[in-house]
Amino acid sequence: MNITMQNHLQGVPDELSDIVNNHPFHSFILLADFIEVLGKCLSSEDWQKSNRSRKDFDNAITTFPSLQKYKNIVDLYGVLRCGLTHAMLPKDGVLLSPDNNDLSSTIGCKELYHDICCAWKDLLSGEVKPAKNLNEEIMFINDDVSGTTQTIIYKNK
């Protein structure tokens, strides 16, 4: 079965809801990574191109209206995305809350999740224009499922 990036990402915001509500600290890892993916949608570079993480993350923060309020938080990419993705610990400079932001030093999980969902809707509606064709086939998933694994082949450009 051929999958487009839009199909691949379509259910992610809904699936994250359970994690946000029941495991807020761990959900920050996925939320920070999803911000980077939103930024990748704004770049014409290949999805898997190396050395683009900061550019893509920062581009999402500065481009999507719902995420722009985070651009003045101390190096959000380094503190949130890198700290959590690489060590499952935020770096100094930000406090994490299960609920809402105060944006001076606290990022709230539920509010960040809501803002990411708004960014995703802006992308799908065309309010924010992607640089990539999100309906281009991006990978193949083998329909023969064995246990809990599937064969997934990413299609490079």
Foldseek 3Di string as FASTA:
>chain_A
DFDFLCRVCVCVLVVLVVCLVPPVLLSLQVLQVLLLVLLVQADPDWPPDPPCSLVSNLNSQCQQPLNVLLNPQPPCCQQRHVCCNPPNHGDPRADEASAPDPNPHYHHRNSSSVSSVSSVVCDVVVVPDTPDDRRDGFWDWDPDDDDPDIDIGGDTD
